[in-house]
Each structure stands twice: as structure tokens, then as C-alpha cells.
PDB file of N, CA and C in Angstrom:
ATOM      1  N   UNK A   1       0.521  -1.508  -0.191  1.00  0.00           N
ATOM      2  CA  UNK A   1       0.036   0.047  -0.155  1.00  0.00           C
ATOM      3  C   UNK A   1       1.123   1.567  -0.022  1.00  0.00           C
ATOM      4  N   UNK A   2       0.101   2.509  -0.874  1.00  0.00           N
ATOM      5  CA  UNK A   2       1.487   3.627  -1.194  1.00  0.00           C
ATOM      6  C   UNK A   2       0.752   4.253  -0.204  1.00  0.00           C
ATOM      7  N   UNK A   3       0.732   4.995   1.352  1.00  0.00           N
ATOM      8  CA  UNK A   3       0.025   5.809   1.501  1.00  0.00           C
ATOM      9  C   UNK A   3       0.404   7.393   1.264  1.00  0.00           C
ATOM     10  N   UNK A   4       0.088   8.354   1.602  1.00  0.00           N
ATOM     11  CA  UNK A   4       0.687   9.518   1.359  1.00  0.00           C
ATOM     12  C   UNK A   4       0.926  10.330   2.561  1.00  0.00           C
ATOM     13  N   UNK A   5       0.801  11.752   2.501  1.00  0.00           N
ATOM     14  CA  UNK A   5       0.701  12.107   3.848  1.00  0.00           C
ATOM     15  C   UNK A   5      -0.606  12.663   4.706  1.00  0.00           C
ATOM     16  N   UNK A   6      -1.010  12.163   4.030  1.00  0.00           N
ATOM     17  CA  UNK A   6      -2.524  12.569   4.912  1.00  0.00           C
ATOM     18  C   UNK A   6      -3.457  11.143   5.108  1.00  0.00           C
ATOM     19  N   UNK A   7      -2.273   9.700   4.969  1.00  0.00           N
ATOM     20  CA  UNK A   7      -3.037   8.351   6.079  1.00  0.00           C
ATOM     21  C   UNK A   7      -3.906   7.753   4.270  1.00  0.00           C
ATOM     22  N   UNK A   8      -3.675   8.476   2.968  1.00  0.00           N
ATOM     23  CA  UNK A   8      -4.786   8.329   2.186  1.00  0.00           C
ATOM     24  C   UNK A   8      -3.889   7.408   1.799  1.00  0.00           C
ATOM     25  N   UNK A   9      -4.650   5.363   1.054  1.00  0.00           N
ATOM     26  CA  UNK A   9      -4.019   5.109  -0.099  1.00  0.00           C
ATOM     27  C   UNK A   9      -4.657   5.747  -1.372  1.00  0.00           C
ATOM     28  N   UNK A  10      -2.366   6.569  -1.479  1.00  0.00           N
ATOM     29  CA  UNK A  10      -3.158   6.511  -3.078  1.00  0.00           C
ATOM     30  C   UNK A  10      -2.803   5.599  -4.502  1.00  0.00           C
ATOM     31  N   UNK A  11      -2.433   4.669  -4.736  1.00  0.00           N
ATOM     32  CA  UNK A  11      -2.619   3.504  -4.909  1.00  0.00           C
ATOM     33  C   UNK A  11      -4.494   2.818  -5.483  1.00  0.00           C
ATOM     34  N   UNK A  12      -5.522   2.798  -4.066  1.00  0.00           N
ATOM     35  CA  UNK A  12      -6.940   2.637  -4.724  1.00  0.00           C
ATOM     36  C   UNK A  12      -6.907   3.784  -4.527  1.00  0.00           C
ATOM     37  N   UNK A  13      -7.119   5.184  -4.794  1.00  0.00           N
ATOM     38  CA  UNK A  13      -7.237   5.942  -4.758  1.00  0.00           C
ATOM     39  C   UNK A  13      -6.925   6.500  -6.211  1.00  0.00           C
ATOM     40  N   UNK A  14      -6.286   6.204  -7.005  1.00  0.00           N
ATOM     41  CA  UNK A  14      -5.888   5.845  -8.042  1.00  0.00           C
ATOM     42  C   UNK A  14      -6.504   4.632  -9.185  1.00  0.00           C
ATOM     43  N   UNK A  15      -6.817   4.055  -8.441  1.00  0.00           N
ATOM     44  CA  UNK A  15      -6.966   2.863  -9.300  1.00  0.00           C
ATOM     45  C   UNK A  15      -8.766   3.181  -9.722  1.00  0.00           C
ATOM     46  N   UNK A  16      -9.612   3.825  -7.925  1.00  0.00           N
ATOM     47  CA  UNK A  16     -10.894   4.364  -8.668  1.00  0.00           C
ATOM     48  C   UNK A  16     -10.537   5.553  -9.444  1.00  0.00           C
ATOM     49  N   UNK A  17      -9.742   6.535  -9.786  1.00  0.00           N
ATOM     50  CA  UNK A  17     -10.201   7.137 -10.440  1.00  0.00           C
ATOM     51  C   UNK A  17      -9.998   7.144 -12.481  1.00  0.00           C
ATOM     52  N   UNK A  18      -9.731   6.083 -12.687  1.00  0.00           N
ATOM     53  CA  UNK A  18      -9.323   5.272 -13.620  1.00  0.00           C
ATOM     54  C   UNK A  18     -10.503   4.508 -13.994  1.00  0.00           C
ATOM     55  N   UNK A  19     -11.415   3.809 -13.034  1.00  0.00           N
ATOM     56  CA  UNK A  19     -12.163   3.000 -13.291  1.00  0.00           C
ATOM     57  C   UNK A  19     -13.914   4.166 -13.334  1.00  0.00           C
ATOM     58  N   UNK A  20     -13.839   5.130 -12.639  1.00  0.00           N
ATOM     59  CA  UNK A  20     -14.391   6.744 -12.956  1.00  0.00           C
ATOM     60  C   UNK A  20     -14.022   6.709 -14.325  1.00  0.00           C
ATOM     61  N   UNK A  21     -13.017   6.668 -15.142  1.00  0.00           N
ATOM     62  CA  UNK A  21     -13.024   8.103 -15.777  1.00  0.00           C
ATOM     63  C   UNK A  21     -12.907   6.453 -17.218  1.00  0.00           C
ATOM     64  N   UNK A  22     -13.070   5.491 -16.947  1.00  0.00           N
ATOM     65  CA  UNK A  22     -13.823   4.197 -17.493  1.00  0.00           C
ATOM     66  C   UNK A  22     -15.129   4.892 -17.940  1.00  0.00           C
ATOM     67  N   UNK A  23     -15.751   4.270 -16.667  1.00  0.00           N
ATOM     68  CA  UNK A  23     -17.060   4.609 -16.730  1.00  0.00           C
ATOM     69  C   UNK A  23     -17.737   5.487 -17.517  1.00  0.00           C
ATOM     70  N   UNK A  24     -16.981   7.032 -16.824  1.00  0.00           N
ATOM     71  CA  UNK A  24     -17.783   8.221 -17.637  1.00  0.00           C
ATOM     72  C   UNK A  24     -17.360   7.883 -19.553  1.00  0.00           C
ATOM     73  N   UNK A  25     -16.732   7.343 -19.549  1.00  0.00           N
ATOM     74  CA  UNK A  25     -15.933   6.861 -21.032  1.00  0.00           C
ATOM     75  C   UNK A  25     -16.936   6.105 -22.035  1.00  0.00           C
ATOM     76  N   UNK A  26     -17.204   4.733 -20.858  1.00  0.00           N
ATOM     77  CA  UNK A  26     -18.158   4.061 -21.649  1.00  0.00           C
ATOM     78  C   UNK A  26     -19.467   4.904 -21.799  1.00  0.00           C
ATOM     79  N   UNK A  27     -19.917   5.092 -20.811  1.00  0.00           N
ATOM     80  CA  UNK A  27     -21.143   6.078 -20.639  1.00  0.00           C
ATOM     81  C   UNK A  27     -22.024   7.001 -21.654  1.00  0.00           C
ATOM     82  N   UNK A  28     -20.712   7.851 -22.029  1.00  0.00           N
ATOM     83  CA  UNK A  28     -20.252   9.036 -22.877  1.00  0.00           C
ATOM     84  C   UNK A  28     -20.778   8.002 -24.658  1.00  0.00           C
ATOM     85  N   UNK A  29     -19.569   6.754 -24.403  1.00  0.00           N
ATOM     86  CA  UNK A  29     -19.763   6.605 -25.996  1.00  0.00           C
ATOM     87  C   UNK A  29     -21.388   5.640 -26.398  1.00  0.00           C
ATOM     88  N   UNK A  30     -22.116   5.350 -25.192  1.00  0.00           N
ATOM     89  CA  UNK A  30     -23.319   4.368 -25.580  1.00  0.00           C
ATOM     90  C   UNK A  30     -24.565   6.235 -25.726  1.00  0.00           C
ATOM     91  N   UNK A  31     -24.132   6.830 -25.555  1.00  0.00           N
ATOM     92  CA  UNK A  31     -24.950   8.310 -25.285  1.00  0.00           C
ATOM     93  C   UNK A  31     -24.686   9.074 -27.186  1.00  0.00           C
ATOM     94  N   UNK A  32     -23.361   8.268 -27.464  1.00  0.00           N
ATOM     95  CA  UNK A  32     -23.401   8.995 -28.616  1.00  0.00           C
ATOM     96  C   UNK A  32     -23.441   8.191 -29.623  1.00  0.00           C
ATOM     97  N   UNK A  33     -24.483   6.859 -29.140  1.00  0.00           N
ATOM     98  CA  UNK A  33     -24.731   5.643 -29.627  1.00  0.00           C
ATOM     99  C   UNK A  33     -25.977   5.740 -29.955  1.00  0.00           C
ATOM    100  N   UNK A  34     -26.580   6.542 -29.183  1.00  0.00           N
ATOM    101  CA  UNK A  34     -28.029   6.680 -28.578  1.00  0.00           C
ATOM    102  C   UNK A  34     -28.604   7.269 -29.166  1.00  0.00           C
ATOM    103  N   UNK A  35     -27.579   8.365 -29.924  1.00  0.00           N
ATOM    104  CA  UNK A  35     -27.378   9.557 -30.169  1.00  0.00           C
ATOM    105  C   UNK A  35     -28.254  10.630 -29.113  1.00  0.00           C
ATOM    106  N   UNK A  36     -28.411  10.159 -28.126  1.00  0.00           N
ATOM    107  CA  UNK A  36     -28.370  11.560 -26.844  1.00  0.00           C
ATOM    108  C   UNK A  36     -27.618  12.881 -26.849  1.00  0.00           C
ATOM    109  N   UNK A  37     -26.046  12.621 -27.582  1.00  0.00           N
ATOM    110  CA  UNK A  37     -25.521  13.329 -27.267  1.00  0.00           C
ATOM    111  C   UNK A  37     -24.770  13.385 -28.900  1.00  0.00           C
ATOM    112  N   UNK A  38     -25.073  14.870 -29.758  1.00  0.00           N
ATOM    113  CA  UNK A  38     -24.302  15.144 -30.516  1.00  0.00           C
ATOM    114  C   UNK A  38     -23.216  15.056 -30.434  1.00  0.00           C
ATOM    115  N   UNK A  39     -22.370  14.941 -32.109  1.00  0.00           N
ATOM    116  CA  UNK A  39     -20.593  14.193 -31.512  1.00  0.00           C
ATOM    117  C   UNK A  39     -20.061  15.866 -31.670  1.00  0.00           C
ATOM    118  N   UNK A  40     -20.670  17.148 -31.181  1.00  0.00           N
ATOM    119  CA  UNK A  40     -20.366  17.855 -31.041  1.00  0.00           C
ATOM    120  C   UNK A  40     -20.344  18.375 -30.153  1.00  0.00           C
ATOM    121  N   UNK A  41     -21.710  18.118 -29.048  1.00  0.00           N
ATOM    122  CA  UNK A  41     -22.210  18.346 -27.909  1.00  0.00           C
ATOM    123  C   UNK A  41     -21.293  17.744 -26.873  1.00  0.00           C
ATOM    124  N   UNK A  42     -20.711  16.573 -27.847  1.00  0.00           N
ATOM    125  CA  UNK A  42     -19.326  15.571 -26.732  1.00  0.00           C
ATOM    126  C   UNK A  42     -18.061  16.274 -26.780  1.00  0.00           C
ATOM    127  N   UNK A  43     -17.573  17.132 -27.832  1.00  0.00           N
ATOM    128  CA  UNK A  43     -16.881  17.989 -27.709  1.00  0.00           C
ATOM    129  C   UNK A  43     -17.151  18.874 -26.952  1.00  0.00           C
ATOM    130  N   UNK A  44     -18.148  19.352 -27.326  1.00  0.00           N
ATOM    131  CA  UNK A  44     -18.299  20.560 -25.921  1.00  0.00           C
ATOM    132  C   UNK A  44     -18.007  20.172 -24.824  1.00  0.00           C
ATOM    133  N   UNK A  45     -18.870  19.344 -24.396  1.00  0.00           N
ATOM    134  CA  UNK A  45     -17.902  17.885 -22.813  1.00  0.00           C
ATOM    135  C   UNK A  45     -17.035  18.260 -23.065  1.00  0.00           C
ATOM    136  N   UNK A  46     -16.237  17.185 -23.091  1.00  0.00           N
ATOM    137  CA  UNK A  46     -14.757  17.242 -23.515  1.00  0.00           C
ATOM    138  C   UNK A  46     -13.984  18.368 -22.879  1.00  0.00           C
ATOM    139  N   UNK A  47     -14.319  19.498 -24.089  1.00  0.00           N
ATOM    140  CA  UNK A  47     -13.546  21.024 -24.147  1.00  0.00           C
ATOM    141  C   UNK A  47     -13.684  21.222 -22.652  1.00  0.00           C
ATOM    142  N   UNK A  48     -14.949  21.597 -22.268  1.00  0.00           N
ATOM    143  CA  UNK A  48     -15.506  22.062 -20.573  1.00  0.00           C
ATOM    144  C   UNK A  48     -14.632  20.882 -20.077  1.00  0.00           C
ATOM    145  N   UNK A  49     -15.023  20.153 -19.600  1.00  0.00           N
ATOM    146  CA  UNK A  49     -13.864  19.476 -18.710  1.00  0.00           C
ATOM    147  C   UNK A  49     -12.388  19.979 -18.570  1.00  0.00           C
ATOM    148  N   UNK A  50     -11.595  19.442 -20.232  1.00  0.00           N
ATOM    149  CA  UNK A  50     -10.686  19.749 -20.601  1.00  0.00           C
ATOM    150  C   UNK A  50      -9.656  20.842 -19.724  1.00  0.00           C
ATOM    151  N   UNK A  51     -11.068  22.430 -20.112  1.00  0.00           N
ATOM    152  CA  UNK A  51     -10.514  23.324 -19.037  1.00  0.00           C
ATOM    153  C   UNK A  51     -11.025  23.184 -17.841  1.00  0.00           C
ATOM    154  N   UNK A  52     -11.542  22.712 -17.465  1.00  0.00           N
ATOM    155  CA  UNK A  52     -11.472  22.285 -15.355  1.00  0.00           C
ATOM    156  C   UNK A  52     -10.374  21.921 -15.592  1.00  0.00           C
ATOM    157  N   UNK A  53     -10.212  20.670 -16.039  1.00  0.00           N
ATOM    158  CA  UNK A  53      -9.267  20.106 -15.189  1.00  0.00           C
ATOM    159  C   UNK A  53      -7.837  20.400 -15.797  1.00  0.00           C
ATOM    160  N   UNK A  54      -7.090  21.094 -16.693  1.00  0.00           N
ATOM    161  CA  UNK A  54      -6.389  21.398 -17.235  1.00  0.00           C
ATOM    162  C   UNK A  54      -5.813  20.629 -17.736  1.00  0.00           C
ATOM    163  N   UNK A  55      -6.261  20.011 -18.377  1.00  0.00           N
ATOM    164  CA  UNK A  55      -5.448  19.399 -19.679  1.00  0.00           C
ATOM    165  C   UNK A  55      -6.429  19.504 -21.159  1.00  0.00           C
ATOM    166  N   UNK A  56      -5.487  18.073 -22.386  1.00  0.00           N
ATOM    167  CA  UNK A  56      -6.455  18.532 -23.646  1.00  0.00           C
ATOM    168  C   UNK A  56      -7.202  17.967 -24.775  1.00  0.00           C
ATOM    169  N   UNK A  57      -8.506  18.566 -24.392  1.00  0.00           N
ATOM    170  CA  UNK A  57      -9.564  17.705 -24.488  1.00  0.00           C
ATOM    171  C   UNK A  57      -9.128  17.148 -25.684  1.00  0.00           C
ATOM    172  N   UNK A  58     -10.140  15.423 -26.082  1.00  0.00           N
ATOM    173  CA  UNK A  58     -10.268  14.657 -27.105  1.00  0.00           C
ATOM    174  C   UNK A  58     -11.219  14.372 -27.607  1.00  0.00           C
ATOM    175  N   UNK A  59     -10.490  14.616 -28.773  1.00  0.00           N
ATOM    176  CA  UNK A  59     -11.893  14.550 -30.046  1.00  0.00           C
ATOM    177  C   UNK A  59     -12.756  13.088 -29.824  1.00  0.00           C
ATOM    178  N   UNK A  60     -14.152  12.941 -30.384  1.00  0.00           N
ATOM    179  CA  UNK A  60     -14.881  12.332 -30.521  1.00  0.00           C
ATOM    180  C   UNK A  60     -15.024  12.653 -31.718  1.00  0.00           C
TER     181      UNK A  60
END
């Protein structure tokens, strides 16, 4: 177990973040396939998230 200065299990937290990211990715793919969101809307969501977290948006 890798514990940080706050006593948190960083490996478990990292695994949870990866799980949640994969879950969101699958949900977005299903929404795109079902026509719930358009490709333009998906790109808008990606851009908004990228701005919030300081990363580069992925293209849908």
C-alpha cells in the first residue's frame, strides 16, 4: 500500500479515478451511439472538462 502524507491509499485512489474515467467514457460512447448527444455536444463536454482540469480535450 502506498500511503500519502494524509494517510490516504494513493494506489486505491488512483484505481478509483481510472475506474470512474472508464465508466464516464463508456457512458459517453453509449450516449453518442444512442443519439442522446451529438458529436459536437460530446466535443463541447470534453472541452469544458479539459478547461476545468487543465488538460487537452479528446476529439469525439
